[in-house]
Amino acid sequence: MSELTGKKIAVIATDGFEDSELTSPAQAVKEAGAEVVVLAPEAGQIEGKKGTKVDVDATTADSVEASFDGIILPGGTTNADHIRMDEAAVTIVKKHVEAGMPLGAICHGAWILTDAEVLEERTLTSYPSLKTDLINAGAIWTDQEVVCDQGLVSSRTPDDLPAFNAKLVEEFAEGKH
């Protein structure tokens, strides 16, 4: 039995995601036994910056009442900017974090956490351009490969994916904090 067998992990994204920041963590949790569900504002497919197409399993609006064992927030400036404007996505993230459930955000993926208002006194990292926004939302920002604060796993760029993926699987296996 794998570490994440029976766990349901949501990936919340839209067009313009950083391809490897969606596909690599999703593959890592799948390989650990989890079911991965891709949520987006619209049904159909979403497309990454480099052309990777991913099928959408459910819309964010249809998933507000759903619960997940973990959430992955990939980066990509366009993706992150648009997903944080999706009220349902913000609600899903806010409820998930407030329930003490683990979440992973890489690069610009952490941007939605400012809108969800869940960063007060939480330590995390991100792509450097988000530093001021995250600090203004109450976070303690640090420049490290991977940071984990009470189930909130964060990394900076695709270069950090090996460490990010390993910590995600560990935190998702541990569950609620």
Foldseek 3Di string as FASTA:
>chain_A
DFLQAPFEEEEEWAAAFAVCQPVLLVVLLVVSHYHYAYEYQDAAWHAYPVGDIDHHRYYLVVCLPPAGQEYEFTHGPVTLVVQLVDPSSLSNVLVCVVQQHAYEYEASSCVSVLSNLNAADAEFEHAVVCVVSSVVSHHHYDQDLWDDGSRYIYGYDSVSSVVSSVVNSVSSSVTGD
